Amino acid sequence: MSYRPRRAWLRVAHAVPRRPVGRCGDYPSLTTEIGEETNLVRSQMKLAKTLIAAAIGMGAAHAAFAMNVPGPLVTPQWLKAHQSDVTVIDIRGGGSMKAYDEEPVMGKDHFVKKSGGHIAGADLVNFNDIREERTVDGVKLKAMMPTAEYFTKVMDAAGVNSGKPYVIVPTGNAVFAMDRGTRLYFQMRYFGVPADQIAILNGGTNAWINAGYPVSIKPAPKKMGDWKATGEDKALLAGLNDVKEGEKSGTEQFIDARPTAQYLGIAKKPINKTAGHLAGAKSFPIDAIVKDDHGAAMFMSAADYKKIFHDFNISDTAPTTTYCNTGHLASGAWFVVHEILGNKNSKLYAGSMNEWTNLGNPTVGLPG
């Protein structure tokens, strides 16, 4: 918005009615008339200045929200350059929680050997908290997709605020760590965060350290955030009935993102009632999802995944649903399909084999 005060003066002055020339007693004096015009102009000028100030303020506020992330993955260099412009969320769970405020251990090659510390100012989210125990058809199931209310409380308790783009930072030491990041990414996307306002730091904290940037070992501050779930993007999430229909119709491609032994039914997680995989599902095992770069687990390029999918006889364009045991590892496969390969006709079955088997649905695997 541009403002030219001189032209505004002329417009206002011309808008004042001209009075016919007559006897002095017929109309107010010329001095009074000029005074009225001057007061009117001053009033209009004051209003114009107020509007300009408001517009400038709105413009500044818009600028604060206008920055987009460059894609679903960012580099340590990008994050370092934009650290003050984004909200950094550190996601970890289990034993890695204590490493949040511990020094990293470096190897002789000067690359990280053991994860430690966090990016200064990061909000700490415990992966074990972001999923919810829910009852489905009378059966209690752990680690299920949370409600909007539950997830909002978890994010606020972690001190996460709205207003800036988000960069999720896993520890980055293994595929399990990166998939914690993709599960949080998925839930934030599902509950309303636009794609251009959220990204994952590829390689996590370990990649940050390897790039030569410092980490903090200060304990996580106790504060409340104001993050809110603003909607539910149901196009991202597959439910039990969606999976049943996909199996029945044969039109859905199912990707099993677990270790090969679990896919084959040789091994089983205790949370599942039976071993094996969904009928017709294709295996995209966890050791093919990321590659190691000096201790940092890195997602690869779209071209790399196209080649891997070709070798595993997986389509990168077909309607696809990913699953695992609890929707943790499957979120990494979904991230590859939906975000890196750009197949927007893909969903995460968050209930996965936990829900599927405990509700008595059949699986395919080795006999016995």
Protein backbone atom coordinates (compact mmCIF):
# COMPACT_ATOMS: atom_id res chain seq x y z
CA MET A 1 0.00 0.00 0.00
CA SER A 2 1.41 3.39 -0.96
CA TYR A 3 0.35 6.71 0.51
CA ARG A 4 0.76 10.16 -1.02
CA PRO A 5 -0.32 12.77 1.58
CA ARG A 6 -0.19 15.73 -0.82
CA ARG A 7 -2.76 14.16 -3.16
CA ALA A 8 -4.91 13.19 -0.22
CA TRP A 9 -4.92 16.87 0.89
CA LEU A 10 -6.09 17.95 -2.52
CA ARG A 11 -8.84 15.34 -2.61
CA VAL A 12 -10.12 16.35 0.82
CA ALA A 13 -9.90 20.07 0.09
CA HIS A 14 -11.84 19.68 -3.13
CA ALA A 15 -14.49 17.68 -1.31
CA VAL A 16 -15.41 20.69 0.89
CA PRO A 17 -18.48 22.46 -0.59
CA ARG A 18 -17.78 25.90 -1.99
CA ARG A 19 -20.11 28.59 -0.72
CA PRO A 20 -21.56 31.22 -3.04
CA VAL A 21 -20.26 34.72 -2.71
CA GLY A 22 -22.78 37.00 -1.02
CA ARG A 23 -23.17 39.45 1.74
CA CYS A 24 -21.09 38.84 4.83
CA GLY A 25 -24.19 38.37 6.93
CA ASP A 26 -25.58 35.57 4.77
CA TYR A 27 -22.80 33.04 5.49
CA PRO A 28 -20.07 32.42 8.07
CA SER A 29 -16.97 34.50 7.71
CA LEU A 30 -14.15 33.46 5.41
CA THR A 31 -11.97 32.86 8.48
CA THR A 32 -14.52 30.46 9.97
CA GLU A 33 -14.90 28.64 6.66
CA ILE A 34 -11.15 28.18 6.29
CA GLY A 35 -10.95 26.98 9.89
CA GLU A 36 -13.63 24.38 9.24
CA GLU A 37 -11.84 23.18 6.12
CA THR A 38 -8.56 22.99 8.03
CA ASN A 39 -10.11 20.97 10.85
CA LEU A 40 -11.72 18.61 8.36
CA VAL A 41 -8.44 18.11 6.54
CA ARG A 42 -6.63 17.50 9.81
CA SER A 43 -9.23 14.94 10.79
CA GLN A 44 -8.91 13.18 7.44
CA MET A 45 -5.12 13.24 7.68
CA LYS A 46 -5.22 11.77 11.18
CA LEU A 47 -7.50 8.99 9.97
CA ALA A 48 -5.23 8.31 7.01
CA LYS A 49 -2.18 8.07 9.28
CA THR A 50 -4.03 5.67 11.58
CA LEU A 51 -4.99 3.47 8.64
CA ILE A 52 -1.43 3.51 7.32
CA ALA A 53 -0.06 2.52 10.73
CA ALA A 54 -2.57 -0.31 10.95
CA ALA A 55 -1.68 -1.48 7.46
CA ILE A 56 2.02 -1.44 8.28
CA GLY A 57 1.34 -3.43 11.44
CA MET A 58 -0.73 -5.96 9.53
CA GLY A 59 1.96 -6.19 6.91
CA ALA A 60 4.60 -6.89 9.53
CA ALA A 61 2.41 -9.52 11.13
CA HIS A 62 1.78 -11.11 7.75
CA ALA A 63 5.49 -11.14 7.06
CA ALA A 64 6.07 -13.01 10.32
CA PHE A 65 3.74 -15.79 9.16
CA ALA A 66 4.58 -15.63 5.48
CA MET A 67 7.78 -17.70 5.48
CA ASN A 68 7.39 -21.20 4.11
CA VAL A 69 9.68 -24.15 4.59
CA PRO A 70 11.43 -25.23 1.36
CA GLY A 71 10.05 -28.77 1.49
CA PRO A 72 9.31 -31.68 3.84
CA LEU A 73 13.03 -32.02 4.63
CA VAL A 74 15.50 -29.29 5.55
CA THR A 75 19.27 -29.35 5.98
CA PRO A 76 21.24 -28.26 9.04
CA GLN A 77 22.50 -25.30 7.03
CA TRP A 78 18.96 -24.13 6.22
CA LEU A 79 17.85 -24.51 9.83
CA LYS A 80 20.88 -22.64 11.12
CA ALA A 81 20.12 -19.73 8.78
CA HIS A 82 16.44 -19.64 9.82
CA GLN A 83 16.64 -20.78 13.44
CA SER A 84 14.99 -17.65 14.81
CA ASP A 85 12.22 -17.81 12.20
CA VAL A 86 10.90 -21.26 13.11
CA THR A 87 9.73 -23.28 16.08
CA VAL A 88 12.11 -26.19 16.64
CA ILE A 89 10.54 -29.32 18.14
CA ASP A 90 12.83 -32.01 19.56
CA ILE A 91 11.09 -35.40 19.43
CA ARG A 92 12.50 -38.40 21.25
CA GLY A 93 11.41 -41.26 23.49
CA GLY A 94 12.58 -44.08 25.73
CA GLY A 95 16.26 -44.05 26.61
CA SER A 96 16.99 -41.09 24.35
CA MET A 97 15.03 -38.78 26.67
CA LYS A 98 17.93 -38.55 29.12
CA ALA A 99 20.35 -37.63 26.32
CA TYR A 100 18.45 -34.35 25.80
CA ASP A 101 20.68 -32.64 28.37
CA GLU A 102 23.83 -34.77 27.97
CA GLU A 103 26.91 -34.01 25.91
CA PRO A 104 27.22 -35.93 22.63
CA VAL A 105 30.11 -38.35 22.23
CA MET A 106 32.29 -37.72 19.20
CA GLY A 107 34.33 -40.36 17.38
CA LYS A 108 37.94 -40.18 16.27
CA ASP A 109 36.74 -39.12 12.83
CA HIS A 110 35.12 -36.06 14.45
CA PHE A 111 31.63 -37.28 13.59
CA VAL A 112 29.03 -38.02 16.24
CA LYS A 113 29.37 -41.43 17.86
CA LYS A 114 26.58 -41.13 20.43
CA SER A 115 23.68 -38.71 20.34
CA GLY A 116 23.53 -36.02 22.96
CA GLY A 117 22.19 -32.53 23.55
CA HIS A 118 19.62 -30.62 21.58
CA ILE A 119 19.30 -27.55 19.40
CA ALA A 120 19.09 -24.48 21.64
CA GLY A 121 15.53 -23.29 22.17
CA ALA A 122 13.91 -26.54 21.03
CA ASP A 123 10.66 -27.66 22.65
CA LEU A 124 10.91 -31.24 23.94
CA VAL A 125 8.09 -33.62 22.97
CA ASN A 126 8.08 -37.14 24.41
CA PHE A 127 7.16 -39.61 21.67
CA ASN A 128 5.57 -41.89 24.24
CA ASP A 129 2.97 -39.20 24.93
CA ILE A 130 1.74 -38.35 21.43
CA ARG A 131 -0.41 -41.46 20.97
CA GLU A 132 -3.38 -42.43 23.08
CA GLU A 133 -4.91 -45.56 24.57
CA ARG A 134 -8.35 -45.98 23.09
CA THR A 135 -11.15 -48.52 23.22
CA VAL A 136 -12.35 -49.91 19.88
CA ASP A 137 -15.27 -52.37 19.79
CA GLY A 138 -14.76 -53.01 23.49
CA VAL A 139 -11.04 -53.75 23.15
CA LYS A 140 -8.46 -51.49 24.82
CA LEU A 141 -5.68 -50.64 22.40
CA LYS A 142 -2.46 -48.82 23.25
CA ALA A 143 -0.57 -46.33 21.07
CA MET A 144 -3.53 -45.34 18.91
CA MET A 145 -4.17 -42.15 16.92
CA PRO A 146 -5.10 -39.50 19.49
CA THR A 147 -8.09 -37.20 19.53
CA ALA A 148 -7.55 -33.53 18.70
CA GLU A 149 -8.15 -32.60 22.34
CA TYR A 150 -5.61 -35.10 23.65
CA PHE A 151 -2.93 -34.14 21.13
CA THR A 152 -3.43 -30.43 21.79
CA LYS A 153 -2.86 -30.99 25.51
CA VAL A 154 0.35 -32.92 24.83
CA MET A 155 1.73 -30.22 22.54
CA ASP A 156 0.80 -27.41 24.91
CA ALA A 157 2.35 -29.24 27.87
CA ALA A 158 5.57 -29.45 25.84
CA GLY A 159 5.53 -25.67 25.40
CA VAL A 160 4.85 -25.66 21.65
CA ASN A 161 3.42 -22.37 20.36
CA SER A 162 1.70 -21.47 17.12
CA GLY A 163 2.72 -18.59 14.85
CA LYS A 164 5.87 -19.84 13.13
CA PRO A 165 6.74 -22.71 10.78
CA TYR A 166 7.78 -25.91 12.55
CA VAL A 167 10.97 -27.92 12.14
CA ILE A 168 10.86 -31.33 13.80
CA VAL A 169 14.22 -32.62 15.00
CA PRO A 170 14.59 -36.32 15.93
CA THR A 171 17.85 -37.50 17.48
CA GLY A 172 18.69 -38.93 14.07
CA ASN A 173 20.78 -41.87 15.22
CA ALA A 174 18.61 -44.57 13.58
CA VAL A 175 15.53 -45.18 11.47
CA PHE A 176 13.43 -45.60 14.62
CA ALA A 177 14.42 -42.08 15.67
CA MET A 178 13.64 -40.55 12.28
CA ASP A 179 10.29 -42.33 12.29
CA ARG A 180 9.44 -40.70 15.60
CA GLY A 181 9.82 -37.46 13.70
CA THR A 182 7.63 -38.61 10.82
CA ARG A 183 4.87 -39.74 13.20
CA LEU A 184 4.82 -36.34 14.90
CA TYR A 185 4.95 -34.71 11.46
CA PHE A 186 1.98 -36.83 10.32
CA GLN A 187 -0.12 -35.95 13.35
CA MET A 188 0.60 -32.24 13.07
CA ARG A 189 -0.31 -32.35 9.37
CA TYR A 190 -3.47 -34.33 10.14
CA PHE A 191 -4.52 -31.84 12.81
CA GLY A 192 -4.23 -28.81 10.58
CA VAL A 193 -0.63 -27.68 10.02
CA PRO A 194 -0.18 -26.84 6.29
CA ALA A 195 2.50 -28.70 4.34
CA ASP A 196 4.45 -25.49 3.69
CA GLN A 197 4.66 -24.76 7.43
CA ILE A 198 6.33 -27.95 8.66
CA ALA A 199 9.48 -29.91 7.90
CA ILE A 200 11.85 -32.47 9.39
CA LEU A 201 15.56 -31.87 9.86
CA ASN A 202 17.09 -34.64 7.74
CA GLY A 203 19.48 -36.62 9.90
CA GLY A 204 18.17 -34.97 13.05
CA THR A 205 20.40 -33.71 15.84
CA ASN A 206 23.24 -35.98 14.72
CA ALA A 207 23.35 -34.30 11.30
CA TRP A 208 23.29 -30.90 13.05
CA ILE A 209 26.30 -31.88 15.16
CA ASN A 210 28.14 -33.33 12.16
CA ALA A 211 27.65 -30.01 10.37
CA GLY A 212 29.65 -28.36 13.14
CA TYR A 213 26.81 -26.58 14.94
CA PRO A 214 26.61 -26.43 18.75
CA VAL A 215 24.03 -28.13 20.94
CA SER A 216 22.63 -27.15 24.31
CA ILE A 217 22.50 -29.40 27.37
CA LYS A 218 20.17 -27.20 29.38
CA PRO A 219 17.14 -29.04 30.83
CA ALA A 220 13.83 -28.52 29.04
CA PRO A 221 12.08 -25.42 30.44
CA LYS A 222 8.74 -25.78 32.16
CA LYS A 223 6.28 -23.73 30.15
CA MET A 224 2.87 -24.02 28.54
CA GLY A 225 2.32 -23.51 24.83
CA ASP A 226 -0.69 -22.34 22.85
CA TRP A 227 -0.66 -24.82 19.96
CA LYS A 228 -4.11 -25.92 18.83
CA ALA A 229 -5.44 -28.57 16.48
CA THR A 230 -7.35 -26.64 13.82
CA GLY A 231 -8.91 -29.46 11.80
CA GLU A 232 -8.62 -33.07 10.71
CA ASP A 233 -7.32 -33.95 7.25
CA LYS A 234 -9.08 -37.29 6.91
CA ALA A 235 -7.56 -37.83 3.46
CA LEU A 236 -4.29 -38.70 5.22
CA LEU A 237 -5.61 -41.36 7.60
CA ALA A 238 -6.88 -44.86 6.86
CA GLY A 239 -9.26 -46.52 9.29
CA LEU A 240 -10.07 -50.17 9.88
CA ASN A 241 -12.96 -50.17 7.42
CA ASP A 242 -10.82 -48.47 4.77
CA VAL A 243 -8.30 -51.30 5.04
CA LYS A 244 -11.01 -53.96 4.87
CA GLU A 245 -12.47 -52.33 1.76
CA GLY A 246 -9.03 -52.00 0.19
CA GLU A 247 -8.31 -55.68 0.75
CA LYS A 248 -11.69 -56.68 -0.63
CA SER A 249 -11.55 -54.53 -3.77
CA GLY A 250 -7.91 -55.17 -4.54
CA THR A 251 -7.50 -51.55 -5.66
CA GLU A 252 -5.31 -50.45 -2.73
CA GLN A 253 -1.58 -51.09 -2.46
CA PHE A 254 -0.55 -51.97 1.09
CA ILE A 255 3.03 -51.35 2.23
CA ASP A 256 4.32 -53.19 5.30
CA ALA A 257 7.06 -51.05 6.89
CA ARG A 258 8.26 -53.53 9.51
CA PRO A 259 11.40 -55.68 9.64
CA THR A 260 11.31 -58.59 7.18
CA ALA A 261 10.92 -61.22 9.91
CA GLN A 262 7.74 -59.58 11.15
CA TYR A 263 6.39 -59.27 7.62
CA LEU A 264 6.96 -62.99 7.04
CA GLY A 265 5.43 -63.95 10.36
CA ILE A 266 8.68 -65.37 11.75
CA ALA A 267 8.62 -62.80 14.55
CA LYS A 268 5.85 -60.88 16.29
CA LYS A 269 5.65 -57.87 18.56
CA PRO A 270 3.86 -58.57 21.88
CA ILE A 271 1.33 -55.84 21.15
CA ASN A 272 -0.08 -57.87 18.24
CA LYS A 273 -2.35 -60.87 18.74
CA THR A 274 -1.13 -62.79 15.68
CA ALA A 275 1.90 -62.72 13.38
CA GLY A 276 2.04 -62.13 9.63
CA HIS A 277 0.97 -59.36 7.28
CA LEU A 278 -2.08 -58.07 5.42
CA ALA A 279 -3.04 -60.16 2.41
CA GLY A 280 -1.31 -58.81 -0.69
CA ALA A 281 0.89 -56.35 1.23
CA LYS A 282 4.36 -55.56 -0.09
CA SER A 283 7.38 -55.29 2.17
CA PHE A 284 9.29 -52.01 2.43
CA PRO A 285 11.55 -52.97 5.36
CA ILE A 286 12.98 -50.42 7.74
CA ASP A 287 16.58 -50.98 6.62
CA ALA A 288 15.63 -49.65 3.17
CA ILE A 289 14.01 -46.42 4.37
CA VAL A 290 17.09 -44.41 5.43
CA LYS A 291 20.83 -44.53 4.84
CA ASP A 292 23.58 -43.84 7.35
CA ASP A 293 25.82 -40.80 6.94
CA HIS A 294 28.45 -40.82 9.69
CA GLY A 295 25.95 -41.71 12.39
CA ALA A 296 23.04 -39.67 11.02
CA ALA A 297 20.06 -41.53 9.54
CA MET A 298 19.19 -39.72 6.32
CA PHE A 299 16.14 -39.86 4.10
CA MET A 300 17.12 -40.21 0.46
CA SER A 301 16.05 -38.54 -2.78
CA ALA A 302 12.89 -39.27 -4.75
CA ALA A 303 15.05 -40.85 -7.47
CA ASP A 304 16.60 -43.22 -4.91
CA TYR A 305 13.20 -44.30 -3.63
CA LYS A 306 11.87 -44.84 -7.14
CA LYS A 307 14.75 -47.27 -7.72
CA ILE A 308 14.17 -49.01 -4.39
CA PHE A 309 10.44 -49.30 -5.06
CA HIS A 310 11.16 -50.79 -8.48
CA ASP A 311 13.40 -53.42 -6.87
CA PHE A 312 10.71 -54.25 -4.29
CA ASN A 313 7.94 -54.29 -6.93
CA ILE A 314 6.19 -51.37 -5.23
CA SER A 315 4.32 -48.74 -7.24
CA ASP A 316 5.14 -45.13 -6.44
CA THR A 317 1.88 -43.86 -7.95
CA ALA A 318 -0.83 -46.38 -6.96
CA PRO A 319 -3.33 -45.63 -4.17
CA THR A 320 -1.34 -46.71 -1.12
CA THR A 321 -1.80 -47.42 2.57
CA THR A 322 1.20 -47.94 4.84
CA TYR A 323 1.13 -49.88 8.10
CA CYS A 324 3.39 -51.49 10.70
CA ASN A 325 2.62 -52.54 14.28
CA THR A 326 1.47 -49.25 15.82
CA GLY A 327 1.83 -46.64 13.06
CA HIS A 328 5.34 -45.61 14.12
CA LEU A 329 7.51 -47.18 11.40
CA ALA A 330 4.66 -46.89 8.89
CA SER A 331 4.74 -43.12 9.29
CA GLY A 332 8.25 -43.19 7.81
CA ALA A 333 7.02 -45.17 4.82
CA TRP A 334 4.06 -42.78 4.46
CA PHE A 335 6.47 -39.83 4.58
CA VAL A 336 8.50 -41.36 1.74
CA VAL A 337 5.43 -42.09 -0.40
CA HIS A 338 3.35 -38.98 0.31
CA GLU A 339 5.93 -36.26 0.92
CA ILE A 340 9.13 -37.28 -0.89
CA LEU A 341 7.65 -39.16 -3.86
CA GLY A 342 4.63 -36.87 -3.96
CA ASN A 343 1.95 -39.57 -4.13
CA LYS A 344 -0.91 -37.67 -2.50
CA ASN A 345 -3.21 -40.67 -2.86
CA SER A 346 -1.56 -42.36 0.10
CA LYS A 347 -2.60 -42.86 3.71
CA LEU A 348 -1.26 -44.07 7.02
CA TYR A 349 -3.13 -46.84 8.80
CA ALA A 350 -2.34 -45.59 12.28
CA GLY A 351 -4.04 -48.53 14.02
CA SER A 352 -1.85 -50.94 12.04
CA MET A 353 -1.43 -54.58 13.13
CA ASN A 354 -2.15 -53.60 16.73
CA GLU A 355 -5.75 -52.79 15.87
CA TRP A 356 -6.07 -55.26 12.98
CA THR A 357 -5.01 -58.39 14.86
CA ASN A 358 -6.50 -57.58 18.27
CA LEU A 359 -9.90 -57.12 16.64
CA GLY A 360 -9.64 -60.60 15.12
CA ASN A 361 -8.83 -59.84 11.49
CA PRO A 362 -6.82 -62.36 9.44
CA THR A 363 -3.15 -62.17 8.49
CA VAL A 364 -0.91 -63.99 6.02
CA GLY A 365 2.37 -65.57 7.07
CA LEU A 366 4.33 -68.78 7.46
CA PRO A 367 2.15 -71.68 8.64
CA GLY A 368 2.33 -72.62 12.29
